[in-house]
Protein backbone atom coordinates (compact mmCIF):
# COMPACT_ATOMS: atom_id res chain seq x y z
CA UNK A 1 136.23 121.67 123.77
CA UNK A 2 139.34 119.53 124.35
CA UNK A 3 140.31 121.90 127.17
CA UNK A 4 136.85 122.29 128.66
CA UNK A 5 137.12 119.55 131.35
CA UNK A 6 140.31 121.23 132.54
CA UNK A 7 138.56 124.61 132.64
CA UNK A 8 135.80 123.11 134.79
CA UNK A 9 138.36 121.63 137.18
CA UNK A 10 140.11 125.01 137.38
CA UNK A 11 136.81 126.68 138.28
CA UNK A 12 136.27 124.13 141.05
CA UNK A 13 139.82 124.61 142.31
CA UNK A 14 139.01 128.31 142.71
CA UNK A 15 135.94 127.39 144.74
CA UNK A 16 133.51 127.80 141.85
CA UNK A 17 130.59 125.78 140.58
CA UNK A 18 129.36 124.98 137.07
CA UNK A 19 125.63 124.58 136.40
CA UNK A 20 124.28 123.45 133.03
CA UNK A 21 120.65 123.98 132.05
CA UNK A 22 119.85 121.73 129.08
CA UNK A 23 117.15 119.21 128.11
CA UNK A 24 119.98 116.78 127.27
CA UNK A 25 122.80 115.51 129.42
CA UNK A 26 125.44 116.82 127.05
CA UNK A 27 129.20 116.32 127.36
CA UNK A 28 129.29 119.72 129.03
CA UNK A 29 126.58 118.67 131.48
CA UNK A 30 128.52 115.51 132.33
CA UNK A 31 131.41 117.66 133.57
CA UNK A 32 129.18 120.10 135.46
CA UNK A 33 128.45 120.17 139.19
CA UNK A 34 124.71 120.42 138.58
CA UNK A 35 122.58 119.59 135.56
CA UNK A 36 119.03 120.93 135.32
CA UNK A 37 117.13 119.09 132.56
CA UNK A 38 114.74 121.85 131.54
CA UNK A 39 111.96 121.43 128.99
CA UNK A 40 112.95 122.81 125.57
CA UNK A 41 111.80 126.40 125.06
CA UNK A 42 111.13 127.05 128.76
CA UNK A 43 114.30 129.07 129.40
CA UNK A 44 112.37 132.33 129.70
CA UNK A 45 110.29 130.91 132.55
CA UNK A 46 113.37 129.81 134.50
CA UNK A 47 115.13 133.13 134.02
CA UNK A 48 112.05 135.20 134.86
CA UNK A 49 111.62 133.15 138.05
CA UNK A 50 115.25 133.81 139.00
CA UNK A 51 114.68 137.55 138.53
CA UNK A 52 111.55 137.28 140.70
CA UNK A 53 113.56 135.66 143.51
CA UNK A 54 116.29 138.29 143.28
CA UNK A 55 113.76 141.03 143.96
CA UNK A 56 111.50 139.26 146.47
CA UNK A 57 114.38 137.93 148.57
CA UNK A 58 116.28 141.23 148.51
CA UNK A 59 119.20 139.86 146.50
CA UNK A 60 119.16 142.25 143.55
CA UNK A 61 122.23 144.47 143.26
CA UNK A 62 123.77 146.42 140.41
CA UNK A 63 127.31 146.36 141.75
CA UNK A 64 129.77 148.57 139.90
CA UNK A 65 127.13 149.88 137.47
CA UNK A 66 124.88 151.30 140.19
CA UNK A 67 123.38 154.57 138.98
CA UNK A 68 123.88 153.64 135.33
CA UNK A 69 120.81 151.49 134.75
CA UNK A 70 117.29 152.51 133.71
CA UNK A 71 114.22 150.31 134.09
CA UNK A 72 114.99 148.34 137.25
CA UNK A 73 111.59 149.04 138.80
CA UNK A 74 109.84 148.11 135.58
CA UNK A 75 111.59 144.74 135.62
CA UNK A 76 110.60 144.29 139.28
CA UNK A 77 106.96 144.94 138.40
CA UNK A 78 106.72 142.66 135.36
CA UNK A 79 108.30 139.72 137.22
CA UNK A 80 106.18 140.09 140.36
CA UNK A 81 104.12 137.03 139.38
CA UNK A 82 106.85 134.88 137.80
CA UNK A 83 107.67 132.94 140.94
CA UNK A 84 109.47 129.58 141.04
CA UNK A 85 106.10 127.96 141.76
CA UNK A 86 104.75 129.49 138.53
CA UNK A 87 107.81 128.39 136.56
CA UNK A 88 108.03 124.83 137.88
CA UNK A 89 105.30 123.20 135.74
CA UNK A 90 106.47 125.11 132.66
CA UNK A 91 110.14 124.21 133.01
CA UNK A 92 109.76 120.74 134.50
CA UNK A 93 112.14 121.80 137.28
CA UNK A 94 111.59 121.83 141.01
CA UNK A 95 110.64 125.23 142.45
CA UNK A 96 113.15 124.82 145.28
CA UNK A 97 115.91 124.15 142.78
CA UNK A 98 115.04 127.37 140.94
CA UNK A 99 115.15 129.33 144.17
CA UNK A 100 118.46 127.73 145.16
CA UNK A 101 119.95 128.58 141.78
CA UNK A 102 118.89 132.23 142.15
CA UNK A 103 120.44 132.47 145.62
CA UNK A 104 123.69 130.86 144.50
CA UNK A 105 123.99 133.24 141.57
CA UNK A 106 123.35 136.25 143.79
CA UNK A 107 125.64 135.30 146.67
CA UNK A 108 128.63 133.99 144.72
CA UNK A 109 131.67 136.32 144.71
CA UNK A 110 131.30 136.39 140.93
CA UNK A 111 129.02 134.60 138.48
CA UNK A 112 128.01 134.64 134.85
CA UNK A 113 124.90 133.38 133.09
CA UNK A 114 125.70 132.39 129.53
CA UNK A 115 123.19 131.40 126.85
CA UNK A 116 123.91 129.86 123.47
CA UNK A 117 122.01 128.45 120.50
CA UNK A 118 119.58 126.40 122.58
CA UNK A 119 118.10 129.48 124.25
CA UNK A 120 117.57 131.20 120.88
CA UNK A 121 115.85 128.68 118.62
CA UNK A 122 112.38 128.77 120.11
CA UNK A 123 109.40 131.11 119.95
CA UNK A 124 110.77 133.20 122.84
CA UNK A 125 114.47 133.14 122.02
CA UNK A 126 114.95 136.92 122.09
CA UNK A 127 113.12 137.12 125.41
CA UNK A 128 115.39 134.44 126.87
CA UNK A 129 118.52 136.21 125.64
CA UNK A 130 117.33 139.47 127.20
CA UNK A 131 116.59 137.76 130.51
CA UNK A 132 120.12 136.31 130.55
CA UNK A 133 121.39 139.89 130.48
CA UNK A 134 118.87 140.97 133.12
CA UNK A 135 120.08 138.29 135.54
CA UNK A 136 123.71 139.29 134.98
CA UNK A 137 122.84 142.94 135.63
CA UNK A 138 120.75 142.27 138.74
CA UNK A 139 123.43 140.07 140.34
CA UNK A 140 126.04 142.79 139.85
CA UNK A 141 127.92 140.70 137.31
CA UNK A 142 127.78 142.83 134.18
CA UNK A 143 131.15 144.06 132.93
CA UNK A 144 133.23 142.81 135.83
CA UNK A 145 135.98 140.23 136.13
CA UNK A 146 134.43 136.83 136.77
CA UNK A 147 131.11 137.99 135.38
CA UNK A 148 129.63 138.66 131.95
CA UNK A 149 132.13 140.76 130.02
CA UNK A 150 132.30 142.25 126.56
CA UNK A 151 134.71 140.65 124.11
CA UNK A 152 137.77 142.68 123.19
CA UNK A 153 139.11 141.66 119.80
CA UNK A 154 142.18 143.27 118.27
CA UNK A 155 140.04 144.45 115.35
CA UNK A 156 137.66 146.41 117.56
CA UNK A 157 138.07 150.21 117.43
CA UNK A 158 140.35 151.99 119.86
CA UNK A 159 142.10 153.17 121.86
CA UNK A 160 139.36 155.76 121.90
CA UNK A 161 140.12 159.44 121.62
CA UNK A 162 137.90 162.43 120.97
CA UNK A 163 134.27 162.93 121.97
CA UNK A 164 132.07 160.00 122.97
CA UNK A 165 129.98 158.50 120.19
CA UNK A 166 126.27 159.23 120.41
CA UNK A 167 124.27 156.05 120.63
CA UNK A 168 121.34 155.04 118.47
CA UNK A 169 118.27 153.13 119.52
CA UNK A 170 118.11 149.58 118.14
CA UNK A 171 114.95 149.20 116.13
CA UNK A 172 113.19 146.06 114.94
CA UNK A 173 110.50 145.65 112.31
CA UNK A 174 111.35 148.73 110.24
CA UNK A 175 109.95 146.81 107.27
CA UNK A 176 108.31 143.44 106.76
CA UNK A 177 108.41 140.49 104.41
CA UNK A 178 106.10 140.53 101.44
CA UNK A 179 104.02 137.38 102.05
CA UNK A 180 103.48 136.80 105.77
CA UNK A 181 104.63 140.20 107.05
CA UNK A 182 107.55 138.90 109.10
CA UNK A 183 109.53 141.74 110.70
CA UNK A 184 113.13 142.47 109.73
CA UNK A 185 115.88 142.26 112.34
CA UNK A 186 119.24 143.86 111.61
CA UNK A 187 118.15 144.41 107.99
CA UNK A 188 117.58 140.67 107.57
CA UNK A 189 114.50 138.50 107.13
CA UNK A 190 114.27 134.98 108.60
CA UNK A 191 115.16 132.10 106.32
CA UNK A 192 111.81 130.61 107.36
CA UNK A 193 110.13 132.94 104.84
CA UNK A 194 112.46 132.19 101.93
CA UNK A 195 110.41 129.41 100.33
CA UNK A 196 107.17 131.40 100.33
CA UNK A 197 108.93 134.48 98.95
CA UNK A 198 110.18 132.35 96.03
CA UNK A 199 106.83 130.57 95.48
CA UNK A 200 104.40 133.50 95.68
CA UNK A 201 103.98 135.55 92.47
CA UNK A 202 103.74 139.32 92.55
CA UNK A 203 105.83 142.44 92.88
CA UNK A 204 109.00 141.67 94.83
CA UNK A 205 108.93 137.91 94.25
CA UNK A 206 112.39 136.39 94.72
CA UNK A 207 113.59 135.09 91.36
CA UNK A 208 117.35 135.00 91.97
CA UNK A 209 119.51 133.74 94.83
CA UNK A 210 123.20 133.83 95.71
CA UNK A 211 124.68 131.54 98.38
CA UNK A 212 128.21 131.32 99.77
CA UNK A 213 129.18 128.04 101.45
CA UNK A 214 125.57 127.36 102.45
CA UNK A 215 123.21 124.42 102.44
CA UNK A 216 119.80 125.76 103.47
CA UNK A 217 117.97 122.70 102.12
CA UNK A 218 119.42 120.84 105.12
CA UNK A 219 119.73 123.76 107.55
CA UNK A 220 116.48 125.72 107.08
CA UNK A 221 113.03 124.71 108.35
CA UNK A 222 110.74 122.66 106.08
CA UNK A 223 113.67 121.74 103.88
CA UNK A 224 111.62 119.73 101.37
CA UNK A 225 109.50 122.77 100.56
CA UNK A 226 112.55 125.00 100.17
CA UNK A 227 114.18 122.32 98.03
CA UNK A 228 111.26 122.43 95.61
CA UNK A 229 111.19 126.24 95.60
CA UNK A 230 114.87 126.53 94.69
CA UNK A 231 114.24 124.48 91.56
CA UNK A 232 111.95 127.26 90.23
CA UNK A 233 114.48 130.14 90.46
CA UNK A 234 115.46 131.95 87.29
CA UNK A 235 119.00 132.48 88.56
CA UNK A 236 120.89 130.71 91.32
CA UNK A 237 124.62 131.40 91.77
CA UNK A 238 126.54 129.47 94.40
CA UNK A 239 130.09 129.90 95.65
CA UNK A 240 130.75 126.51 97.18
CA UNK A 241 133.27 123.68 97.40
CA UNK A 242 130.50 121.07 97.06
CA UNK A 243 127.66 120.24 94.73
CA UNK A 244 125.41 119.61 97.71
CA UNK A 245 121.68 119.29 98.36
CA UNK A 246 121.24 123.04 97.82
CA UNK A 247 123.83 123.91 95.19
CA UNK A 248 122.62 121.09 92.91
CA UNK A 249 119.97 123.64 91.89
CA UNK A 250 122.55 126.30 91.00
CA UNK A 251 122.80 127.56 87.42
CA UNK A 252 126.35 128.71 88.15
CA UNK A 253 128.64 127.03 90.68
CA UNK A 254 131.85 128.94 91.46
CA UNK A 255 134.35 126.88 93.46
CA UNK A 256 136.60 128.53 96.05
CA UNK A 257 140.31 127.65 96.11
CA UNK A 258 141.69 124.93 98.34
CA UNK A 259 141.68 125.97 102.00
CA UNK A 260 145.45 125.85 102.39
CA UNK A 261 145.91 128.39 99.58
CA UNK A 262 144.13 131.04 101.64
CA UNK A 263 145.31 133.15 104.58
CA UNK A 264 143.23 133.12 107.75
CA UNK A 265 142.32 135.51 110.52
CA UNK A 266 139.42 134.53 112.81
CA UNK A 267 137.72 137.91 112.61
CA UNK A 268 134.34 136.71 113.97
CA UNK A 269 135.18 134.32 116.80
CA UNK A 270 137.79 136.60 118.35
CA UNK A 271 134.88 138.92 119.16
CA UNK A 272 133.67 136.27 121.64
CA UNK A 273 136.98 134.96 122.97
CA UNK A 274 137.57 134.90 126.73
CA UNK A 275 140.94 136.60 126.23
CA UNK A 276 142.11 139.24 123.78
CA UNK A 277 144.15 137.29 121.25
CA UNK A 278 145.14 137.60 117.60
CA UNK A 279 146.64 135.09 115.20
CA UNK A 280 147.31 135.22 111.47
CA UNK A 281 148.02 132.25 109.21
CA UNK A 282 149.59 132.72 105.81
CA UNK A 283 148.66 130.27 103.03
CA UNK A 284 150.78 127.15 102.76
CA UNK A 285 150.43 126.76 98.99
CA UNK A 286 150.12 128.97 95.93
CA UNK A 287 147.00 128.95 93.80
CA UNK A 288 146.92 126.59 90.84
CA UNK A 289 146.51 128.17 87.44
CA UNK A 290 142.80 127.27 87.38
CA UNK A 291 142.07 128.62 90.89
CA UNK A 292 140.88 132.08 91.87
CA UNK A 293 140.85 133.68 95.30
CA UNK A 294 137.39 133.67 96.85
CA UNK A 295 137.61 137.41 97.51
CA UNK A 296 138.36 137.91 93.82
CA UNK A 297 135.23 135.95 92.90
CA UNK A 298 133.05 137.89 95.31
CA UNK A 299 134.35 141.25 94.12
CA UNK A 300 133.55 140.26 90.54
CA UNK A 301 130.05 139.14 91.49
CA UNK A 302 129.46 142.38 93.35
CA UNK A 303 130.55 144.41 90.35
CA UNK A 304 128.24 142.48 88.03
CA UNK A 305 125.31 143.01 90.40
CA UNK A 306 126.15 146.73 90.51
CA UNK A 307 125.79 146.89 86.73
CA UNK A 308 129.47 147.08 85.80
CA UNK A 309 129.29 144.15 83.40
CA UNK A 310 131.61 141.18 83.19
CA UNK A 311 134.79 143.12 82.39
CA UNK A 312 135.85 143.89 85.94
CA UNK A 313 139.07 145.49 87.20
CA UNK A 314 139.50 143.51 90.43
CA UNK A 315 142.59 145.48 91.43
CA UNK A 316 140.60 148.73 91.23
CA UNK A 317 137.75 147.24 93.27
CA UNK A 318 140.16 145.99 95.92
CA UNK A 319 141.83 149.40 96.02
CA UNK A 320 138.44 151.08 96.43
CA UNK A 321 137.54 148.80 99.35
CA UNK A 322 140.77 149.61 101.21
CA UNK A 323 140.52 153.30 100.39
CA UNK A 324 136.91 153.44 101.59
CA UNK A 325 137.88 151.89 104.93
CA UNK A 326 140.60 154.49 105.46
CA UNK A 327 138.51 157.43 104.27
CA UNK A 328 135.98 156.61 106.97
CA UNK A 329 138.75 156.44 109.58
CA UNK A 330 140.39 159.76 108.73
CA UNK A 331 137.01 161.52 109.03
CA UNK A 332 136.43 160.25 112.57
CA UNK A 333 137.64 162.40 115.45
CA UNK A 334 137.79 159.24 117.55
CA UNK A 335 140.29 157.61 115.20
CA UNK A 336 144.08 157.54 115.65
CA UNK A 337 144.40 158.62 111.99
CA UNK A 338 141.94 161.53 112.08
CA UNK A 339 142.84 164.11 109.45
CA UNK A 340 145.67 162.12 107.88
CA UNK A 341 146.25 161.54 104.16
CA UNK A 342 144.66 158.36 102.79
CA UNK A 343 147.33 157.85 100.09
CA UNK A 344 150.02 157.99 102.77
CA UNK A 345 148.19 155.37 104.86
CA UNK A 346 147.68 153.09 101.87
CA UNK A 347 151.40 153.33 101.14
CA UNK A 348 152.18 152.10 104.66
CA UNK A 349 150.26 148.89 103.89
CA UNK A 350 153.00 147.92 101.42
CA UNK A 351 152.25 145.20 98.91
CA UNK A 352 149.32 143.70 100.78
CA UNK A 353 146.15 143.16 98.78
CA UNK A 354 142.70 141.67 99.34
CA UNK A 355 141.72 140.50 102.83
CA UNK A 356 145.31 140.76 104.07
CA UNK A 357 145.32 144.52 103.46
CA UNK A 358 141.89 144.98 105.02
CA UNK A 359 142.94 143.01 108.10
CA UNK A 360 146.16 145.04 108.34
CA UNK A 361 144.17 148.28 108.21
CA UNK A 362 141.65 147.05 110.77
CA UNK A 363 144.35 145.82 113.16
CA UNK A 364 146.25 149.09 112.92
CA UNK A 365 143.09 151.05 113.71
CA UNK A 366 142.10 148.59 116.43
CA UNK A 367 142.43 148.53 120.19
CA UNK A 368 146.04 147.32 120.19
CA UNK A 369 147.04 148.74 116.79
CA UNK A 370 149.94 151.00 115.88
CA UNK A 371 147.61 153.70 114.50
CA UNK A 372 149.76 153.79 111.36
CA UNK A 373 152.76 154.96 113.34
CA UNK A 374 150.97 156.86 116.10
CA UNK A 375 151.88 154.03 118.49
CA UNK A 376 155.12 152.52 117.10
CA UNK A 377 154.98 149.39 119.29
CA UNK A 378 151.36 148.68 118.34
CA UNK A 379 149.89 145.79 116.39
CA UNK A 380 150.25 145.36 112.63
CA UNK A 381 149.88 142.39 110.32
CA UNK A 382 153.66 142.35 109.97
CA UNK A 383 153.99 141.95 113.74
CA UNK A 384 151.52 139.06 113.72
CA UNK A 385 153.57 137.37 111.01
CA UNK A 386 156.59 137.62 113.30
CA UNK A 387 154.58 135.76 115.95
CA UNK A 388 153.31 132.61 114.19
CA UNK A 389 151.71 131.29 117.38
CA UNK A 390 149.73 134.50 117.84
CA UNK A 391 149.78 137.27 120.42
CA UNK A 392 147.87 137.19 123.70
CA UNK A 393 146.94 140.68 124.88
CA UNK A 394 145.61 139.44 128.19
CA UNK A 395 142.25 138.90 129.90
CA UNK A 396 139.14 140.91 129.14
CA UNK A 397 138.79 144.25 130.90
CA UNK A 398 135.70 146.17 132.03
CA UNK A 399 134.69 148.48 129.18
CA UNK A 400 131.05 149.41 129.57
CA UNK A 401 131.77 153.02 128.61
CA UNK A 402 133.16 151.85 125.30
CA UNK A 403 130.51 149.19 124.59
CA UNK A 404 127.40 151.13 125.60
CA UNK A 405 125.74 152.83 122.64
CA UNK A 406 122.24 153.68 123.91
CA UNK A 407 120.90 157.20 123.32
CA UNK A 408 120.67 157.71 127.10
CA UNK A 409 124.22 156.53 127.71
CA UNK A 410 122.82 154.13 130.33
CA UNK A 411 121.93 150.44 130.40
CA UNK A 412 118.29 150.20 129.29
CA UNK A 413 117.12 147.19 131.28
CA UNK A 414 113.44 147.26 130.28
CA UNK A 415 112.90 147.97 126.57
CA UNK A 416 109.17 147.91 125.88
CA UNK A 417 109.50 145.27 123.18
CA UNK A 418 110.77 142.85 125.84
CA UNK A 419 108.31 144.02 128.49
CA UNK A 420 105.51 143.22 126.05
CA UNK A 421 107.08 139.91 125.08
CA UNK A 422 107.22 138.72 128.67
CA UNK A 423 103.48 139.40 128.81
CA UNK A 424 103.09 137.37 125.60
CA UNK A 425 105.07 134.53 127.15
CA UNK A 426 103.04 134.56 130.34
CA UNK A 427 99.80 134.45 128.36
CA UNK A 428 101.03 131.26 126.72
CA UNK A 429 101.96 129.55 129.98
CA UNK A 430 98.53 128.08 130.66
CA UNK A 431 98.82 126.11 127.45
CA UNK A 432 102.43 125.20 128.26
CA UNK A 433 101.54 124.00 131.76
CA UNK A 434 98.69 121.96 130.32
CA UNK A 435 101.04 120.30 127.87
CA UNK A 436 103.53 119.63 130.64
CA UNK A 437 101.01 118.00 132.99
CA UNK A 438 99.60 115.78 130.23
CA UNK A 439 102.99 114.55 129.02
CA UNK A 440 102.47 111.08 130.41
CA UNK A 441 99.30 110.52 128.39
CA UNK A 442 100.25 112.49 125.30
CA UNK A 443 101.61 110.67 122.27
CA UNK A 444 103.41 113.79 121.01
CA UNK A 445 107.07 114.35 121.82
CA UNK A 446 109.06 117.58 121.55
CA UNK A 447 111.81 117.48 118.94
CA UNK A 448 115.16 118.87 120.00
CA UNK A 449 118.16 119.44 117.75
CA UNK A 450 121.73 118.66 118.68
CA UNK A 451 125.27 119.00 117.43
CA UNK A 452 128.16 116.59 117.38
CA UNK A 453 131.77 117.77 117.30
CA UNK A 454 132.52 115.52 114.33
CA UNK A 455 129.35 116.33 112.37
CA UNK A 456 128.60 119.92 113.27
CA UNK A 457 127.45 120.98 109.79
CA UNK A 458 126.41 119.19 106.61
CA UNK A 459 129.73 119.58 104.76
CA UNK A 460 131.52 117.59 107.47
CA UNK A 461 129.57 114.48 106.49
CA UNK A 462 131.55 114.18 103.26
CA UNK A 463 134.84 113.79 105.11
CA UNK A 464 135.47 110.11 105.77
CA UNK A 465 137.46 110.49 108.97
CA UNK A 466 134.60 112.52 110.49
CA UNK A 467 131.79 110.04 109.73
CA UNK A 468 133.54 106.73 110.33
CA UNK A 469 132.54 104.70 113.35
CA UNK A 470 129.12 104.38 114.90
CA UNK A 471 126.20 106.19 113.21
CA UNK A 472 125.64 109.72 114.50
CA UNK A 473 122.30 110.51 112.90
CA UNK A 474 120.10 108.76 115.47
CA UNK A 475 116.93 109.80 117.27
CA UNK A 476 117.66 109.85 120.98
CA UNK A 477 114.57 108.86 122.96
CA UNK A 478 114.08 108.28 126.69
CA UNK A 479 113.63 104.61 127.75
CA UNK A 480 110.14 105.30 129.16
CA UNK A 481 108.99 106.97 125.94
CA UNK A 482 110.52 104.16 123.89
CA UNK A 483 108.83 101.45 125.97
CA UNK A 484 105.44 103.17 125.67
CA UNK A 485 105.82 102.98 121.87
CA UNK A 486 107.40 99.51 121.68
CA UNK A 487 110.61 100.98 120.27
CA UNK A 488 113.87 99.14 120.77
CA UNK A 489 117.38 100.53 120.70
CA UNK A 490 118.79 100.53 117.17
CA UNK A 491 115.40 99.97 115.53
CA UNK A 492 114.09 102.11 112.63
CA UNK A 493 111.34 104.57 113.55
CA UNK A 494 109.17 107.07 111.73
CA UNK A 495 109.04 110.68 112.94
CA UNK A 496 106.04 112.70 111.77
CA UNK A 497 105.16 116.36 112.27
CA UNK A 498 102.57 118.69 110.76
CA UNK A 499 104.85 119.35 107.76
CA UNK A 500 106.79 116.18 107.05
CA UNK A 501 107.87 112.62 107.78
CA UNK A 502 111.36 111.13 108.16
CA UNK A 503 112.69 107.67 108.96
CA UNK A 504 115.65 107.30 111.29
CA UNK A 505 117.28 104.88 113.73
CA UNK A 506 116.29 105.10 117.40
CA UNK A 507 118.87 105.39 120.18
CA UNK A 508 117.21 104.62 123.51
CA UNK A 509 119.00 106.61 126.21
CA UNK A 510 118.32 108.58 129.38
CA UNK A 511 120.56 111.38 128.05
CA UNK A 512 117.34 113.10 127.00
CA UNK A 513 114.58 113.97 129.43
CA UNK A 514 111.20 112.31 129.21
CA UNK A 515 108.88 113.79 126.58
CA UNK A 516 111.78 114.89 124.38
CA UNK A 517 113.48 113.32 121.37
CA UNK A 518 116.71 114.62 119.87
CA UNK A 519 118.03 114.47 116.31
CA UNK A 520 121.24 116.10 114.97
CA UNK A 521 120.97 118.66 112.20
CA UNK A 522 122.62 118.73 108.79
CA UNK A 523 121.89 115.17 107.68
CA UNK A 524 119.55 113.93 104.93
CA UNK A 525 122.01 113.32 102.09
CA UNK A 526 119.56 111.34 99.95
CA UNK A 527 118.68 114.00 97.35
CA UNK A 528 119.42 113.08 93.75
CA UNK A 529 121.94 115.31 92.02
CA UNK A 530 124.15 116.04 95.00
CA UNK A 531 127.71 114.82 94.42
CA UNK A 532 128.63 113.84 97.97
CA UNK A 533 129.60 110.20 97.78
CA UNK A 534 130.74 109.73 101.37
CA UNK A 535 127.82 111.69 102.78
CA UNK A 536 125.32 109.79 100.64
CA UNK A 537 126.66 106.51 102.03
CA UNK A 538 125.85 107.87 105.49
CA UNK A 539 122.71 109.77 104.48
CA UNK A 540 120.74 109.93 107.71
CA UNK A 541 117.59 112.05 107.87
CA UNK A 542 117.13 115.81 107.84
CA UNK A 543 115.94 117.34 111.10
CA UNK A 544 114.56 120.28 109.14
CA UNK A 545 112.28 118.18 106.96
CA UNK A 546 109.87 118.01 109.91
CA UNK A 547 110.27 121.59 111.22
CA UNK A 548 107.36 123.97 110.59
CA UNK A 549 108.30 127.36 109.07
CA UNK A 550 105.31 129.01 110.73
CA UNK A 551 106.98 128.77 114.15
CA UNK A 552 109.41 131.65 114.62
CA UNK A 553 110.56 134.13 117.22
CA UNK A 554 108.85 137.31 115.96
CA UNK A 555 111.72 139.57 117.07
CA UNK A 556 114.86 137.84 115.82
CA UNK A 557 113.10 135.90 113.09
CA UNK A 558 114.86 132.72 114.23
CA UNK A 559 112.99 129.55 113.37
CA UNK A 560 111.61 127.86 116.47
CA UNK A 561 113.52 124.68 115.71
CA UNK A 562 113.09 123.27 119.21
CA UNK A 563 109.34 123.87 119.35
CA UNK A 564 108.22 121.15 116.93
CA UNK A 565 105.93 118.43 118.29
CA UNK A 566 106.30 115.05 116.60
CA UNK A 567 104.83 111.55 116.74
CA UNK A 568 107.27 108.65 116.80
CA UNK A 569 106.44 105.02 116.08
CA UNK A 570 108.25 101.89 114.92
CA UNK A 571 108.73 101.93 111.17
CA UNK A 572 107.07 98.56 110.72
CA UNK A 573 103.96 99.87 112.48
CA UNK A 574 103.92 103.05 110.36
CA UNK A 575 104.07 101.00 107.17
């Protein structure tokens, strides 16, 4: 973020324009050329209206992927009625602004629509994410420089050789949760169902839980209910540096080593980087005699769960993990090590063990890797160590052929699950429009989460340098909404929803749009038993204590955190 203002200026210098769509005037929005203060959860309406304009005004184009896309006519048909005039009362935006935005996206030499957390945490988050992709496709900006490109991390497979991989259809809802019947997504169930799965007796009831560096009591919806449910577990094992609001319920707490005793490779975030980069950091300090590597702890836990007992040969487990990774590679005709001897490849890894060996293997098999000698100048962990500031492999490159894994081998623009969900969204718009038009007389406000760079997650609140200064856990409320409720800046207020009540300090500001209040997540450090002295002194209130678990996106399972309606009043009035 420290470089973001400079990136915006560089875009402008190239003749570009930055538009931010957000209910709040965030730091990003302050640097943008245009800020559209949309109503929370209305992203799908805006995006569907943009698609409508692209078709009606003859602006839709597939660009370089022409002839490689299925479902364009289906998308045209299902957005025939989602005009800017239809979207305006739902989004709270002007219809002309929506049309202008669509034209600017379509006529720019290059453009990219990018959605993050805010588009996902509502009842139609999956629909919104799909529509982001649809707009990028229909403006000819998928997989092209200046448009929406696929990340290219050094750990991703390649260079590709051999026959193309056959794609598989992505399926949702292959099985459902026991109590409410919530559909799985990616073999996972939403955390919104965790409390009920612990509480409800019967076959399959959750009686044991393992967490790693997590604090769901403060990060999952209806946190008070989950808090109570965790106290009833028969076994709770936590790997965590803190005895926090969640891990205070743990029967076994296994601490990780100090951060500077561990190596680091940013395996996840490099998948989303705007350039192909790699950087490895060796640990600065050795483990103390009473410390154990986190990977050692996790291997031991895995062995116990597999029925191997407590006497675990960690070296053998680590060896098996590395061997398994290589055995898969040598069986693949697309791999640079196809048909080679696994023992030989393991020998080339030298003395590396644990995550370092797995990263070395993955880098060598990756896009820029040495293929275990097949490409002598390629990437290895040893080469990264010789470059302590990392290696930049350059900008992203078009790679649709590599990224596309559909059975048809084409971009499937109109999967039926999304076609049906747009119909579901449209059927809800009458209610949404009604809510929007009655905002001035309604006492309910829509609760919106937010993040702060110095208090992004709950663990950061126990670091003094990150919580010093002005309070960050405040309820931002628009001046008009505050005046209508006789709320003054800095005064305590009560926030009530259908599931809970919290007390917090009001911050009267026009950063938020009318009808919306915003509270940061991860606070609420007032639970007895948590050993977080600094955080407790700056307790704040938990956003999730007033979020209803019944509101979820049925496809991703994400809790609809930004869909909660609340009533706000001065604390003295509430009492």
